[in-house]
Protein backbone atom coordinates (compact mmCIF):
# COMPACT_ATOMS: atom_id res chain seq x y z
CA UNK A 1 -0.07 -0.02 0.22
CA UNK A 2 2.83 2.27 0.48
CA UNK A 3 3.76 2.09 -3.10
CA UNK A 4 0.35 2.82 -4.22
CA UNK A 5 -0.54 5.53 -1.89
CA UNK A 6 1.48 8.37 -0.96
CA UNK A 7 0.24 9.65 2.36
CA UNK A 8 2.37 12.73 2.29
CA UNK A 9 0.52 13.63 -0.96
CA UNK A 10 -2.83 12.96 0.65
CA UNK A 11 -1.82 14.82 3.88
CA UNK A 12 -0.41 17.77 1.48
CA UNK A 13 -3.71 17.71 -0.37
CA UNK A 14 -5.79 17.67 2.50
CA UNK A 15 -3.81 20.57 4.26
CA UNK A 16 -3.94 22.66 1.17
CA UNK A 17 -7.62 22.11 0.47
CA UNK A 18 -8.78 22.55 4.13
CA UNK A 19 -6.93 25.68 4.61
CA UNK A 20 -8.46 27.14 1.39
CA UNK A 21 -11.85 25.99 2.35
CA UNK A 22 -11.33 27.05 5.82
CA UNK A 23 -10.44 30.49 4.59
CA UNK A 24 -13.29 30.30 2.20
CA UNK A 25 -15.87 29.39 4.75
CA UNK A 26 -14.46 32.00 7.19
CA UNK A 27 -14.62 34.77 4.62
CA UNK A 28 -18.32 33.92 3.45
CA UNK A 29 -19.06 33.76 7.47
CA UNK A 30 -17.35 37.11 8.10
CA UNK A 31 -19.48 38.65 5.31
CA UNK A 32 -22.65 37.53 6.85
CA UNK A 33 -22.85 39.98 9.94
CA UNK A 34 -21.94 42.79 7.67
CA UNK A 35 -24.60 41.82 4.88
CA UNK A 36 -27.30 41.49 7.52
CA UNK A 37 -26.33 44.84 8.97
CA UNK A 38 -26.60 46.27 5.42
CA UNK A 39 -29.57 44.57 4.10
CA UNK A 40 -31.55 43.43 7.12
CA UNK A 41 -32.05 39.77 8.45
CA UNK A 42 -35.38 39.40 6.45
CA UNK A 43 -33.48 40.17 3.09
CA UNK A 44 -30.80 37.87 4.11
CA UNK A 45 -33.41 35.23 4.28
CA UNK A 46 -34.65 36.17 0.83
CA UNK A 47 -31.12 35.55 -0.37
CA UNK A 48 -30.55 32.43 1.34
CA UNK A 49 -33.46 30.91 -0.26
CA UNK A 50 -32.38 32.18 -3.92
CA UNK A 51 -29.04 30.51 -3.13
CA UNK A 52 -30.80 27.26 -2.38
CA UNK A 53 -32.69 27.52 -6.14
CA UNK A 54 -29.07 28.27 -7.63
CA UNK A 55 -27.14 25.34 -5.83
CA UNK A 56 -29.80 22.93 -7.06
CA UNK A 57 -29.60 24.20 -10.55
CA UNK A 58 -25.56 24.27 -10.28
CA UNK A 59 -25.87 20.62 -9.22
CA UNK A 60 -27.72 19.64 -12.47
CA UNK A 61 -25.21 21.48 -14.60
CA UNK A 62 -22.24 20.31 -12.95
CA UNK A 63 -23.53 16.69 -13.72
CA UNK A 64 -21.45 14.60 -11.26
CA UNK A 65 -18.03 15.52 -12.84
CA UNK A 66 -16.65 15.79 -9.14
CA UNK A 67 -16.74 11.92 -9.04
CA UNK A 68 -16.93 10.52 -12.51
CA UNK A 69 -14.64 13.36 -14.18
CA UNK A 70 -12.13 13.16 -11.24
CA UNK A 71 -11.97 9.40 -11.66
CA UNK A 72 -11.43 9.38 -15.20
CA UNK A 73 -8.56 11.83 -14.86
CA UNK A 74 -6.94 9.76 -12.21
CA UNK A 75 -7.34 7.01 -14.62
CA UNK A 76 -5.63 8.74 -17.71
CA UNK A 77 -3.14 11.02 -16.36
CA UNK A 78 -0.76 10.59 -19.08
CA UNK A 79 -3.06 10.32 -21.85
CA UNK A 80 -3.08 13.86 -23.24
CA UNK A 81 -5.85 13.15 -25.85
CA UNK A 82 -8.13 11.63 -23.65
CA UNK A 83 -7.53 14.50 -21.20
CA UNK A 84 -8.51 16.80 -23.88
CA UNK A 85 -11.46 14.97 -24.82
CA UNK A 86 -12.84 14.75 -21.18
CA UNK A 87 -12.05 18.50 -20.49
CA UNK A 88 -13.63 20.19 -23.49
CA UNK A 89 -16.75 17.82 -23.59
CA UNK A 90 -17.45 18.50 -20.02
CA UNK A 91 -17.62 22.17 -21.17
CA UNK A 92 -20.03 21.50 -24.12
CA UNK A 93 -22.26 19.41 -21.89
CA UNK A 94 -22.25 21.92 -19.14
CA UNK A 95 -23.36 24.97 -21.42
CA UNK A 96 -26.09 22.54 -22.56
CA UNK A 97 -27.38 22.17 -19.07
CA UNK A 98 -26.99 25.70 -18.09
CA UNK A 99 -29.22 26.62 -20.78
CA UNK A 100 -31.50 23.65 -19.29
CA UNK A 101 -31.26 25.29 -16.07
CA UNK A 102 -32.44 28.64 -17.13
CA UNK A 103 -35.58 27.16 -18.51
CA UNK A 104 -36.37 25.29 -15.23
CA UNK A 105 -35.82 28.65 -13.59
CA UNK A 106 -38.59 30.27 -15.58
CA UNK A 107 -40.60 27.37 -14.93
CA UNK A 108 -40.10 27.67 -11.10
CA UNK A 109 -41.19 31.44 -11.30
CA UNK A 110 -44.40 30.29 -12.82
CA UNK A 111 -45.09 27.89 -9.65
CA UNK A 112 -43.84 29.74 -6.89
CA UNK A 113 -45.10 33.13 -6.64
CA UNK A 114 -42.14 34.25 -3.96
CA UNK A 115 -39.69 33.57 -6.92
CA UNK A 116 -41.93 35.40 -9.46
CA UNK A 117 -42.00 38.30 -7.19
CA UNK A 118 -38.28 38.65 -7.08
CA UNK A 119 -37.25 37.33 -10.56
CA UNK A 120 -35.05 40.17 -11.29
CA UNK A 121 -33.04 39.07 -8.15
CA UNK A 122 -33.35 35.20 -9.10
CA UNK A 123 -32.22 36.29 -13.02
CA UNK A 124 -28.99 37.85 -11.40
CA UNK A 125 -28.22 34.99 -9.17
CA UNK A 126 -28.43 32.55 -12.38
CA UNK A 127 -24.77 33.60 -13.10
CA UNK A 128 -23.85 31.32 -10.09
CA UNK A 129 -25.04 28.40 -12.18
CA UNK A 130 -22.33 28.58 -14.96
CA UNK A 131 -19.91 30.05 -12.55
CA UNK A 132 -20.01 26.91 -10.35
CA UNK A 133 -20.56 24.46 -13.11
CA UNK A 134 -17.53 25.56 -15.11
CA UNK A 135 -15.04 25.48 -12.42
CA UNK A 136 -12.76 22.71 -13.25
CA UNK A 137 -12.06 21.35 -9.76
CA UNK A 138 -12.76 17.80 -10.83
CA UNK A 139 -9.81 18.06 -13.31
CA UNK A 140 -7.28 19.12 -10.20
CA UNK A 141 -8.75 16.50 -7.89
CA UNK A 142 -8.21 13.68 -10.39
CA UNK A 143 -4.30 14.90 -10.79
CA UNK A 144 -4.21 15.12 -7.03
CA UNK A 145 -3.04 18.81 -7.53
CA UNK A 146 -5.39 20.06 -4.71
CA UNK A 147 -3.13 23.04 -3.83
CA UNK A 148 -4.12 24.24 -7.36
CA UNK A 149 -7.90 23.67 -6.52
CA UNK A 150 -7.36 25.24 -3.34
CA UNK A 151 -5.72 28.43 -4.72
CA UNK A 152 -8.67 28.66 -7.36
CA UNK A 153 -11.35 28.38 -4.63
CA UNK A 154 -9.69 30.98 -2.57
CA UNK A 155 -9.48 33.45 -5.46
CA UNK A 156 -13.18 33.18 -6.24
CA UNK A 157 -14.15 33.94 -2.68
CA UNK A 158 -11.78 36.79 -2.32
CA UNK A 159 -13.38 38.47 -5.38
CA UNK A 160 -16.97 37.84 -4.00
CA UNK A 161 -15.94 39.43 -0.57
CA UNK A 162 -14.21 42.23 -2.16
CA UNK A 163 -17.12 43.14 -4.28
CA UNK A 164 -19.80 42.75 -1.37
CA UNK A 165 -17.82 45.22 0.79
CA UNK A 166 -17.25 47.67 -1.95
CA UNK A 167 -20.87 47.76 -3.40
CA UNK A 168 -23.24 46.37 -0.96
CA UNK A 169 -24.47 49.25 1.43
CA UNK A 170 -28.33 49.48 1.51
CA UNK A 171 -31.21 47.10 1.35
CA UNK A 172 -31.59 48.10 -2.29
CA UNK A 173 -28.59 46.22 -2.81
CA UNK A 174 -29.77 42.75 -1.72
CA UNK A 175 -29.73 41.10 -5.46
CA UNK A 176 -25.95 41.88 -5.72
CA UNK A 177 -25.02 39.58 -2.90
CA UNK A 178 -25.71 36.28 -4.70
CA UNK A 179 -24.70 38.11 -8.12
CA UNK A 180 -21.28 38.52 -6.98
CA UNK A 181 -20.71 35.28 -5.47
CA UNK A 182 -21.80 33.65 -9.07
CA UNK A 183 -19.27 36.38 -10.61
CA UNK A 184 -16.45 35.44 -8.52
CA UNK A 185 -16.86 31.80 -9.64
CA UNK A 186 -17.22 32.50 -13.12
CA UNK A 187 -14.15 34.50 -13.39
CA UNK A 188 -12.12 31.72 -11.35
CA UNK A 189 -13.41 29.27 -13.70
CA UNK A 190 -12.20 30.99 -16.87
CA UNK A 191 -8.73 31.59 -15.32
CA UNK A 192 -8.52 27.86 -14.00
CA UNK A 193 -9.52 26.41 -17.23
CA UNK A 194 -6.87 28.44 -19.27
CA UNK A 195 -4.40 27.52 -16.70
CA UNK A 196 -5.28 23.77 -17.27
CA UNK A 197 -5.06 23.86 -21.00
CA UNK A 198 -1.71 25.54 -21.00
CA UNK A 199 -0.22 23.45 -18.27
CA UNK A 200 -1.21 20.16 -19.52
CA UNK A 201 -1.21 21.13 -23.33
CA UNK A 202 -4.65 20.15 -23.99
CA UNK A 203 -5.80 20.41 -27.48
CA UNK A 204 -9.50 21.45 -28.76
CA UNK A 205 -11.45 18.39 -28.91
CA UNK A 206 -14.44 18.62 -31.73
CA UNK A 207 -17.69 18.41 -30.41
CA UNK A 208 -19.23 14.63 -30.44
CA UNK A 209 -22.87 13.91 -29.63
CA UNK A 210 -21.83 10.45 -29.21
CA UNK A 211 -19.17 11.65 -26.34
CA UNK A 212 -21.96 13.71 -24.97
CA UNK A 213 -24.48 10.80 -24.79
CA UNK A 214 -21.97 8.48 -23.00
CA UNK A 215 -21.18 11.34 -20.46
CA UNK A 216 -24.88 11.77 -19.93
CA UNK A 217 -25.48 8.32 -19.24
CA UNK A 218 -22.54 7.84 -17.23
CA UNK A 219 -23.13 10.66 -15.02
CA UNK A 220 -26.83 10.26 -14.63
CA UNK A 221 -26.85 8.09 -11.31
CA UNK A 222 -24.18 10.16 -9.80
CA UNK A 223 -26.07 13.55 -10.83
CA UNK A 224 -29.25 12.00 -9.48
CA UNK A 225 -27.68 11.25 -6.27
CA UNK A 226 -25.99 14.23 -5.89
CA UNK A 227 -29.46 15.87 -6.68
CA UNK A 228 -31.02 13.87 -3.65
CA UNK A 229 -28.14 14.81 -1.54
CA UNK A 230 -28.36 18.71 -2.23
CA UNK A 231 -32.09 18.66 -2.02
CA UNK A 232 -31.54 17.04 1.47
CA UNK A 233 -29.02 19.60 2.42
CA UNK A 234 -30.07 22.98 0.78
CA UNK A 235 -33.84 22.10 0.39
CA UNK A 236 -34.71 22.22 3.89
CA UNK A 237 -34.41 25.97 3.97
CA UNK A 238 -36.70 26.20 0.74
CA UNK A 239 -39.34 23.87 2.25
CA UNK A 240 -39.08 25.89 5.63
CA UNK A 241 -39.85 29.08 3.30
CA UNK A 242 -43.01 27.53 2.07
CA UNK A 243 -44.32 27.32 5.62
CA UNK A 244 -42.87 30.47 7.13
CA UNK A 245 -41.38 33.70 6.02
CA UNK A 246 -38.21 35.47 4.60
CA UNK A 247 -37.51 36.36 8.55
CA UNK A 248 -37.49 33.04 10.00
CA UNK A 249 -35.61 31.65 6.82
CA UNK A 250 -32.96 34.29 7.61
CA UNK A 251 -32.66 33.11 11.22
CA UNK A 252 -32.38 29.36 10.32
CA UNK A 253 -29.77 30.15 7.46
CA UNK A 254 -27.29 31.81 9.70
CA UNK A 255 -26.97 28.74 11.96
CA UNK A 256 -27.13 26.59 8.71
CA UNK A 257 -24.45 28.39 6.91
CA UNK A 258 -22.18 27.70 10.25
CA UNK A 259 -23.06 24.19 9.75
CA UNK A 260 -22.30 24.13 6.24
CA UNK A 261 -18.99 25.82 6.86
CA UNK A 262 -18.04 22.89 9.52
CA UNK A 263 -18.84 20.37 6.66
CA UNK A 264 -16.42 22.22 4.22
CA UNK A 265 -13.62 20.09 6.54
CA UNK A 266 -15.47 16.79 5.82
CA UNK A 267 -15.42 17.57 1.86
CA UNK A 268 -11.85 18.63 2.02
CA UNK A 269 -10.89 15.38 3.30
CA UNK A 270 -13.14 13.35 1.02
CA UNK A 271 -11.83 14.79 -1.77
CA UNK A 272 -8.14 14.23 -0.58
CA UNK A 273 -8.33 10.46 -0.19
CA UNK A 274 -10.81 9.84 -3.06
CA UNK A 275 -8.27 9.59 -5.89
CA UNK A 276 -6.39 6.95 -3.81
CA UNK A 277 -9.28 4.84 -3.21
CA UNK A 278 -9.98 4.79 -6.97
CA UNK A 279 -6.41 3.38 -7.30
CA UNK A 280 -5.69 0.91 -4.38
CA UNK A 281 -6.93 -2.56 -4.32
CA UNK A 282 -10.01 -3.14 -1.97
CA UNK A 283 -7.89 -5.62 0.36
CA UNK A 284 -6.10 -2.39 1.48
CA UNK A 285 -9.30 -0.30 2.14
CA UNK A 286 -9.49 -1.44 5.77
CA UNK A 287 -5.81 -0.37 6.59
CA UNK A 288 -6.20 3.03 4.72
CA UNK A 289 -9.47 3.84 6.35
CA UNK A 290 -7.92 3.16 9.90
CA UNK A 291 -4.78 5.21 9.26
CA UNK A 292 -6.49 8.04 7.60
CA UNK A 293 -10.35 8.17 8.63
CA UNK A 294 -10.43 7.26 12.30
CA UNK A 295 -7.82 10.10 13.49
CA UNK A 296 -10.19 12.85 11.35
CA UNK A 297 -13.39 11.39 12.69
CA UNK A 298 -12.37 11.97 16.32
CA UNK A 299 -11.06 15.28 15.53
CA UNK A 300 -14.53 16.05 13.84
CA UNK A 301 -16.25 14.99 17.25
CA UNK A 302 -13.93 17.29 19.41
CA UNK A 303 -14.67 20.22 16.86
CA UNK A 304 -18.40 19.75 16.86
CA UNK A 305 -18.42 19.43 20.85
CA UNK A 306 -16.62 22.74 21.11
CA UNK A 307 -18.84 24.17 18.63
CA UNK A 308 -21.93 23.11 20.67
CA UNK A 309 -20.55 24.37 24.02
CA UNK A 310 -19.68 28.11 22.82
CA UNK A 311 -22.81 28.17 20.53
CA UNK A 312 -24.39 31.38 22.37
CA UNK A 313 -21.06 33.16 21.56
CA UNK A 314 -20.76 31.93 17.88
CA UNK A 315 -24.53 32.84 17.16
CA UNK A 316 -24.21 35.93 18.99
CA UNK A 317 -21.30 37.19 16.54
CA UNK A 318 -23.77 36.99 13.43
CA UNK A 319 -27.17 38.03 14.87
CA UNK A 320 -27.12 40.56 17.68
CA UNK A 321 -30.58 39.48 18.61
CA UNK A 322 -29.96 35.80 18.88
CA UNK A 323 -32.32 33.67 20.98
CA UNK A 324 -32.56 30.53 22.41
CA UNK A 325 -34.08 28.83 19.39
CA UNK A 326 -31.60 29.76 17.16
CA UNK A 327 -28.83 28.43 19.51
CA UNK A 328 -30.65 25.20 19.88
CA UNK A 329 -30.74 24.80 16.34
CA UNK A 330 -27.09 25.30 15.88
CA UNK A 331 -26.46 22.72 18.47
CA UNK A 332 -28.58 20.33 16.83
CA UNK A 333 -26.49 20.93 13.64
CA UNK A 334 -23.31 20.18 15.81
CA UNK A 335 -24.50 16.49 16.35
CA UNK A 336 -25.18 16.13 12.72
CA UNK A 337 -21.73 16.70 11.81
CA UNK A 338 -19.96 13.66 13.34
CA UNK A 339 -23.17 11.68 11.83
CA UNK A 340 -22.45 13.04 8.44
CA UNK A 341 -18.89 12.03 8.87
CA UNK A 342 -19.37 8.55 9.69
CA UNK A 343 -21.16 7.99 6.33
CA UNK A 344 -17.90 8.97 4.38
CA UNK A 345 -16.12 5.41 4.17
CA UNK A 346 -19.26 3.84 2.58
CA UNK A 347 -19.98 6.46 0.26
CA UNK A 348 -16.62 6.74 -0.94
CA UNK A 349 -16.20 3.00 -1.38
CA UNK A 350 -19.49 2.99 -3.51
CA UNK A 351 -18.00 5.62 -5.76
CA UNK A 352 -14.52 4.17 -5.98
CA UNK A 353 -15.80 0.56 -6.85
CA UNK A 354 -18.10 2.27 -9.42
CA UNK A 355 -21.49 1.00 -7.53
CA UNK A 356 -23.16 4.33 -8.59
CA UNK A 357 -26.75 2.68 -8.72
CA UNK A 358 -26.38 1.57 -4.94
CA UNK A 359 -24.98 4.88 -4.22
CA UNK A 360 -27.99 6.81 -5.80
CA UNK A 361 -30.66 4.46 -4.20
CA UNK A 362 -29.32 5.09 -0.91
CA UNK A 363 -29.43 8.82 -1.27
CA UNK A 364 -32.87 8.76 -3.03
CA UNK A 365 -34.03 6.96 0.25
CA UNK A 366 -32.70 9.43 2.12
CA UNK A 367 -34.49 12.15 0.13
CA UNK A 368 -37.84 10.45 0.43
CA UNK A 369 -37.24 10.58 4.60
CA UNK A 370 -36.25 13.93 4.50
CA UNK A 371 -39.21 15.20 2.56
CA UNK A 372 -41.42 13.15 4.64
CA UNK A 373 -40.04 14.30 7.94
CA UNK A 374 -39.96 18.19 6.48
CA UNK A 375 -43.71 17.66 5.58
CA UNK A 376 -44.51 16.16 9.16
CA UNK A 377 -42.41 18.60 11.56
CA UNK A 378 -41.89 21.78 9.43
CA UNK A 379 -45.67 23.06 9.22
CA UNK A 380 -45.95 22.39 12.96
CA UNK A 381 -42.59 23.22 14.32
CA UNK A 382 -41.11 25.54 11.72
CA UNK A 383 -37.47 25.77 12.16
CA UNK A 384 -37.06 23.30 15.07
CA UNK A 385 -38.96 20.56 12.61
CA UNK A 386 -36.69 21.46 9.68
CA UNK A 387 -33.29 20.78 11.67
CA UNK A 388 -35.04 17.52 13.40
CA UNK A 389 -35.70 16.30 9.66
CA UNK A 390 -32.00 17.10 8.86
CA UNK A 391 -30.85 14.82 12.06
CA UNK A 392 -33.07 11.81 10.92
CA UNK A 393 -32.14 11.57 7.53
CA UNK A 394 -28.53 11.91 8.18
CA UNK A 395 -28.82 8.88 10.85
CA UNK A 396 -30.52 6.85 8.18
CA UNK A 397 -28.07 7.52 5.31
CA UNK A 398 -25.27 6.67 7.72
CA UNK A 399 -26.84 3.48 8.54
CA UNK A 400 -27.40 2.55 4.94
CA UNK A 401 -24.03 3.20 3.57
CA UNK A 402 -22.30 1.49 6.57
CA UNK A 403 -24.48 -1.53 5.75
CA UNK A 404 -23.41 -1.32 2.20
CA UNK A 405 -19.80 -0.92 3.10
CA UNK A 406 -19.90 -3.98 5.51
CA UNK A 407 -21.72 -5.87 2.59
CA UNK A 408 -19.00 -5.10 -0.09
CA UNK A 409 -16.19 -6.27 2.41
CA UNK A 410 -18.03 -9.45 3.40
CA UNK A 411 -18.60 -10.39 -0.61
CA UNK A 412 -14.96 -9.51 -1.26
CA UNK A 413 -13.75 -11.51 2.18
CA UNK A 414 -12.54 -8.44 3.81
CA UNK A 415 -12.70 -7.63 7.34
CA UNK A 416 -13.74 -4.04 8.59
């Protein structure tokens, strides 16, 4: 295993990505109190709900390339022709899907009155979709050059923060917040793509409908799974908004954003070890997880416990009028972090061993549970019901992916 997996490289990638995503999360969190002061907590809730819609549309436009694309790059690192084909067809496919995404936004505006009422804000926010979709992070991940990915991520958020501090000063500038978030990503995506083309000497690959169909077929299960995951992650706020108002959505969103920032560490770790899992033999998974995952898990338990302990101070930093309920919501989110961490080994093994259909089925079940729990609890308990739905969902997903992991090891006569 020592020859196949460079632990120093994994650590360097994890450190680089965690540092960048940590700074990224910190920058976004530091912007929150400034923006709330300038536009108000109610308008902040309006922006937060719009972001949910854009995250979901961008998930469709990305089309699972974070998993399928990085896997293909990891397996074809020395084949320039194949890398060129993968890179350019990812762009062709995403341009098509971004166009579909805008049509879906128009459809949503006809269904939901609060979207139609603020359609100009949603139209400006749509720049986030191509901006996010065209970021070539999957390519850096497959090449295990996550320090470049980290630099690109950091650049996009620095641009976003600078634009926010310079231009947002009154409630009339509410729509600019999410527009600047997308603009920072879009500029970074162009810069990173140019860098990749020059660095790896990629040649323009002519458009092939056959290749587009192949990519769509290959990415469909992962995209469906990612949509279910993001519906579970971001859709909670949208459902809460259906039963409440922008003000309550604003309070809930603050606690949720801190939770998402903590989950960024989990994402960085998963992205760091995933390429190695795609290359090593399944018989080596047990040792690899013991050496890498277990220490990380206990670290996240400690971080979550500390965050829960200091919840009043943390929430109070963002909202001056923080109340008992907002503190309790954040503490419940702190419980969810280690639970999410526990589903990582099973989910990554399913992807690394190309078990996409099982991966999708598990998260489809999770989505069903999430929607059911939200429909049962949100109308009566509002924000508390929504966060309870999050916890229930994450526990069930963790149990299901863990059972799949044990089943895989049993079928391959491994012990975990």
